[in-house]
Amino acid sequence: MLKCVLTAAVAAVLVQPALIKAQGRGGPPPGPPPTGKAGAPDDLTGYWVALVTEDWRYRMVTPPKGDFASVPLNAEGRRVANAWDPAKDEAAGLQCKSYGAAALMRVPTRVHITWADDDTLKVETDAGTQTREFHFGQPQPPSGEAGWQGFSVATWEVAGAGRGRGRGGPPSGGSLKVVTTHMRPGYLRKNGVPYSGNAVLTEYYTRTHEDDGTSYLIITTLVDDPQYLQQTFVTSTHFKKESDGAKWSPSPCTAK
């Protein structure tokens, strides 16, 4: 059952839903766009734990150097991956290279999602003690140095926009789309599989609601990086909702 639900949800988020614009005469003038929080078609907040249902040997343990199966690296990407040296990363203070935005949600971790304000969704991880911020509206891109988590712009992609909406309430059903740029170069996998500072990360966050009360968060991730990848690198990562943060256990980044 879980497999069917996850497969269907992943297929849904890969096809961007068409937004239906209401047309007609005599209607009230459009108001200001809702904030990210007010326009949310679902509630993603709370504590979630990663379910490592595939790629166990790449996610639960550090694979050996040169093991980059299923990642579409080009020749330069393979060269860089084969030069991985965790001791060198540690000496340079780069233990967090595999905890950057393009890889963070593949780490076996718990995440805590909250609203920092009406237009900023905050995602914290206990593994690596990282914080991401998803900005709604028309945020201004940063001008300073790139960081591990980059700069993320978020929008809601609503299924059947204009339908299933309560009077004055948010739309019903949809996904969160997040596009992240301005990232510091890092690793797609802990064994040195690289992504560059020019990489573009696109993610779709979709929550499910099962009949037994269980809820899953499915994150479909697309990484585009012409410097190191031959084509888009696509993964699907699954989290399960937890009732509270009792098992939350922050830990630092590790290089190996």
Protein backbone atom coordinates (compact mmCIF):
# COMPACT_ATOMS: atom_id res chain seq x y z
CA MET A 1 0.00 0.00 0.00
CA LEU A 2 2.76 2.42 0.96
CA LYS A 3 4.62 1.69 -2.27
CA CYS A 4 1.53 2.48 -4.35
CA VAL A 5 0.85 5.71 -2.45
CA LEU A 6 4.43 6.91 -2.76
CA THR A 7 4.64 6.04 -6.47
CA ALA A 8 1.41 7.87 -7.23
CA ALA A 9 2.47 10.93 -5.27
CA VAL A 10 5.86 11.12 -6.98
CA ALA A 11 4.22 10.89 -10.40
CA ALA A 12 1.84 13.67 -9.42
CA VAL A 13 4.49 16.17 -8.40
CA LEU A 14 6.59 15.60 -11.50
CA VAL A 15 3.70 16.93 -13.59
CA GLN A 16 3.18 20.56 -12.74
CA PRO A 17 -0.55 21.19 -12.31
CA ALA A 18 -2.14 23.84 -14.48
CA LEU A 19 -3.41 26.80 -12.55
CA ILE A 20 -6.96 27.68 -13.49
CA LYS A 21 -7.65 31.39 -13.61
CA ALA A 22 -11.19 32.35 -12.82
CA GLN A 23 -12.68 34.42 -15.60
CA GLY A 24 -15.93 36.26 -15.67
CA ARG A 25 -17.49 39.64 -15.56
CA GLY A 26 -18.74 41.56 -12.62
CA GLY A 27 -16.60 39.76 -10.05
CA PRO A 28 -14.79 41.55 -7.25
CA PRO A 29 -11.32 42.92 -8.06
CA PRO A 30 -8.50 40.59 -7.14
CA GLY A 31 -6.98 41.19 -3.72
CA PRO A 32 -3.33 40.98 -2.75
CA PRO A 33 -1.78 37.54 -3.13
CA PRO A 34 -1.92 35.45 0.03
CA THR A 35 1.17 34.93 2.11
CA GLY A 36 2.97 31.63 1.84
CA LYS A 37 1.38 30.49 5.08
CA ALA A 38 -2.14 31.61 4.19
CA GLY A 39 -1.96 30.06 0.73
CA ALA A 40 -0.74 26.64 1.90
CA PRO A 41 -2.90 23.82 0.48
CA ASP A 42 -1.61 21.48 3.20
CA ASP A 43 0.22 21.65 6.52
CA LEU A 44 3.83 20.51 6.25
CA THR A 45 4.84 21.60 9.73
CA GLY A 46 5.90 19.26 12.50
CA TYR A 47 8.50 16.55 13.04
CA TRP A 48 9.29 14.02 10.33
CA VAL A 49 11.70 11.06 10.25
CA ALA A 50 13.42 9.76 7.10
CA LEU A 51 12.37 6.35 5.82
CA VAL A 52 15.37 4.78 4.08
CA THR A 53 13.47 2.49 1.71
CA GLU A 54 16.08 2.49 -1.08
CA ASP A 55 19.74 3.42 -1.70
CA TRP A 56 20.49 2.09 1.79
CA ARG A 57 24.20 1.54 1.04
CA TYR A 58 24.61 5.13 -0.12
CA ARG A 59 22.61 6.76 2.67
CA MET A 60 23.10 4.74 5.85
CA VAL A 61 26.84 4.17 5.45
CA THR A 62 29.58 6.02 3.61
CA PRO A 63 30.22 4.17 0.34
CA PRO A 64 33.80 3.62 -0.82
CA LYS A 65 35.58 6.09 -3.06
CA GLY A 66 34.61 5.66 -6.69
CA ASP A 67 31.20 4.14 -5.98
CA PHE A 68 28.89 6.60 -7.71
CA ALA A 69 26.46 4.20 -9.38
CA SER A 70 23.15 5.76 -10.58
CA VAL A 71 24.51 9.33 -10.44
CA PRO A 72 24.86 10.63 -14.04
CA LEU A 73 28.33 12.11 -13.59
CA ASN A 74 30.25 13.39 -16.59
CA ALA A 75 33.99 12.87 -16.99
CA GLU A 76 34.87 15.87 -14.81
CA GLY A 77 32.44 14.75 -12.14
CA ARG A 78 33.99 11.29 -12.05
CA ARG A 79 37.46 12.79 -11.80
CA VAL A 80 36.48 14.93 -8.83
CA ALA A 81 34.64 12.05 -7.13
CA ASN A 82 37.68 9.79 -7.50
CA ALA A 83 39.84 12.41 -5.77
CA TRP A 84 37.69 12.45 -2.60
CA ASP A 85 39.77 12.79 0.57
CA PRO A 86 37.74 13.06 3.80
CA ALA A 87 40.84 13.82 5.88
CA LYS A 88 41.55 16.79 3.65
CA ASP A 89 37.95 18.00 4.06
CA GLU A 90 38.23 17.71 7.84
CA ALA A 91 41.49 19.65 7.89
CA ALA A 92 39.88 22.41 5.81
CA GLY A 93 36.79 22.59 8.03
CA LEU A 94 34.56 21.24 5.25
CA GLN A 95 32.83 18.45 7.16
CA CYS A 96 29.45 19.74 5.98
CA LYS A 97 30.02 19.24 2.23
CA SER A 98 27.56 16.33 2.17
CA TYR A 99 24.96 18.28 4.19
CA GLY A 100 24.36 21.04 1.64
CA ALA A 101 20.90 21.68 0.19
CA ALA A 102 21.32 19.37 -2.80
CA ALA A 103 21.98 16.35 -0.55
CA LEU A 104 20.57 17.22 2.87
CA MET A 105 17.15 15.61 2.49
CA ARG A 106 18.80 12.29 1.50
CA VAL A 107 20.68 12.17 4.79
CA PRO A 108 19.06 9.77 7.32
CA THR A 109 17.71 12.49 9.57
CA ARG A 110 14.75 13.95 11.34
CA VAL A 111 13.41 17.27 10.11
CA HIS A 112 11.46 19.91 11.98
CA ILE A 113 9.35 22.19 9.79
CA THR A 114 7.94 25.46 11.15
CA TRP A 115 6.88 28.88 9.89
CA ALA A 116 9.56 31.45 10.73
CA ASP A 117 7.11 34.11 9.53
CA ASP A 118 4.16 34.27 7.14
CA ASP A 119 6.42 34.07 4.08
CA THR A 120 9.30 31.92 5.33
CA LEU A 121 9.08 28.18 5.92
CA LYS A 122 11.96 26.88 8.04
CA VAL A 123 13.31 23.33 7.75
CA GLU A 124 15.77 22.13 10.41
CA THR A 125 17.60 18.80 10.46
CA ASP A 126 19.05 17.07 13.49
CA ALA A 127 21.72 15.35 11.34
CA GLY A 128 24.37 17.99 10.70
CA THR A 129 22.30 20.57 12.60
CA GLN A 130 21.39 22.43 9.41
CA THR A 131 18.66 25.02 8.73
CA ARG A 132 17.02 25.77 5.40
CA GLU A 133 14.65 28.67 4.73
CA PHE A 134 12.08 28.64 1.92
CA HIS A 135 11.06 32.17 0.89
CA PHE A 136 7.66 32.96 -0.63
CA GLY A 137 6.55 36.11 -2.44
CA GLN A 138 9.26 38.01 -4.30
CA PRO A 139 12.35 37.60 -2.12
CA GLN A 140 15.53 39.44 -2.98
CA PRO A 141 18.42 37.07 -3.79
CA PRO A 142 21.47 37.40 -1.55
CA SER A 143 24.53 39.33 -2.67
CA GLY A 144 27.06 37.78 -0.30
CA GLU A 145 28.93 34.50 -0.36
CA ALA A 146 27.07 31.28 -1.07
CA GLY A 147 26.17 29.03 1.86
CA TRP A 148 25.60 25.30 2.26
CA GLN A 149 21.83 25.73 2.08
CA GLY A 150 21.82 28.29 -0.72
CA PHE A 151 18.87 30.58 -1.42
CA SER A 152 15.46 28.95 -1.82
CA VAL A 153 12.36 30.40 -3.49
CA ALA A 154 9.10 28.59 -2.72
CA THR A 155 5.69 28.48 -4.41
CA TRP A 156 2.60 26.39 -3.88
CA GLU A 157 1.46 24.30 -6.83
CA VAL A 158 -2.21 23.73 -6.15
CA ALA A 159 -4.10 20.78 -7.59
CA GLY A 160 -7.30 21.98 -9.24
CA ALA A 161 -6.84 25.62 -8.25
CA GLY A 162 -10.22 27.25 -7.81
CA ARG A 163 -11.90 24.00 -6.69
CA GLY A 164 -12.16 22.47 -3.25
CA ARG A 165 -11.65 25.82 -1.56
CA GLY A 166 -13.60 26.66 1.55
CA ARG A 167 -15.07 30.15 1.78
CA GLY A 168 -12.14 32.40 2.59
CA GLY A 169 -9.91 29.38 3.24
CA PRO A 170 -6.79 27.97 1.59
CA PRO A 171 -6.91 25.78 -1.53
CA SER A 172 -7.20 22.03 -1.06
CA GLY A 173 -4.43 19.68 -2.24
CA GLY A 174 -1.11 20.42 -3.90
CA SER A 175 2.64 20.45 -3.52
CA LEU A 176 5.32 22.84 -2.39
CA LYS A 177 7.84 23.67 -5.11
CA VAL A 178 11.25 24.93 -3.98
CA VAL A 179 14.02 26.15 -6.30
CA THR A 180 17.43 26.62 -4.69
CA THR A 181 20.47 28.39 -6.14
CA HIS A 182 23.47 30.26 -4.75
CA MET A 183 24.78 27.07 -3.13
CA ARG A 184 28.29 26.45 -1.91
CA PRO A 185 29.84 23.46 -3.78
CA GLY A 186 29.19 20.20 -1.98
CA TYR A 187 28.62 16.47 -2.30
CA LEU A 188 25.55 14.63 -3.56
CA ARG A 189 26.80 11.64 -1.62
CA LYS A 190 29.07 11.43 1.36
CA ASN A 191 31.87 9.77 -0.66
CA GLY A 192 32.70 12.91 -2.62
CA VAL A 193 30.21 12.79 -5.53
CA PRO A 194 30.23 16.50 -6.37
CA TYR A 195 27.82 19.26 -7.25
CA SER A 196 29.07 22.73 -8.16
CA GLY A 197 28.19 26.23 -7.07
CA ASN A 198 26.26 26.62 -10.34
CA ALA A 199 23.91 23.72 -9.62
CA VAL A 200 20.16 24.33 -9.52
CA LEU A 201 18.08 22.30 -7.08
CA THR A 202 14.35 21.85 -7.66
CA GLU A 203 12.21 20.05 -5.09
CA TYR A 204 8.54 19.10 -4.72
CA TYR A 205 7.16 18.44 -1.22
CA THR A 206 3.89 16.51 -1.05
CA ARG A 207 2.11 15.28 2.07
CA THR A 208 -0.14 12.21 2.12
CA HIS A 209 -2.94 11.43 4.56
CA GLU A 210 -3.55 7.71 5.04
CA ASP A 211 -6.79 6.14 6.29
CA ASP A 212 -5.07 4.87 9.44
CA GLY A 213 -3.94 8.39 10.38
CA THR A 214 -0.37 7.94 9.18
CA SER A 215 1.09 10.77 7.11
CA TYR A 216 4.05 10.73 4.76
CA LEU A 217 6.08 13.56 3.27
CA ILE A 218 7.42 12.75 -0.20
CA ILE A 219 10.24 14.91 -1.53
CA THR A 220 11.04 14.63 -5.23
CA THR A 221 14.44 16.18 -5.92
CA LEU A 222 15.97 17.25 -9.23
CA VAL A 223 19.56 18.46 -9.42
CA ASP A 224 20.80 20.14 -12.61
CA ASP A 225 24.53 20.80 -12.81
CA PRO A 226 26.18 20.99 -16.26
CA GLN A 227 29.60 21.21 -14.61
CA TYR A 228 29.47 17.70 -13.15
CA LEU A 229 26.30 15.96 -14.41
CA GLN A 230 25.37 14.66 -17.85
CA GLN A 231 21.65 15.00 -17.10
CA THR A 232 19.24 15.79 -14.28
CA PHE A 233 19.79 13.68 -11.16
CA VAL A 234 16.38 12.67 -9.78
CA THR A 235 15.64 11.09 -6.41
CA SER A 236 12.55 10.54 -4.27
CA THR A 237 12.87 10.66 -0.49
CA HIS A 238 10.22 9.69 2.02
CA PHE A 239 9.55 10.88 5.57
CA LYS A 240 6.96 9.76 8.13
CA LYS A 241 5.16 12.16 10.46
CA GLU A 242 6.02 11.90 14.16
CA SER A 243 3.75 13.05 16.96
CA ASP A 244 6.39 15.22 18.62
CA GLY A 245 10.11 15.95 18.90
CA ALA A 246 10.89 13.38 21.60
CA LYS A 247 13.42 11.62 19.36
CA TRP A 248 15.03 14.81 18.06
CA SER A 249 18.80 14.46 18.50
CA PRO A 250 21.04 17.15 16.92
CA SER A 251 24.47 15.97 15.79
CA PRO A 252 27.34 17.75 13.97
CA CYS A 253 28.43 17.25 10.37
CA THR A 254 30.88 14.44 9.74
CA ALA A 255 33.19 14.02 6.73
CA LYS A 256 33.10 10.21 6.68
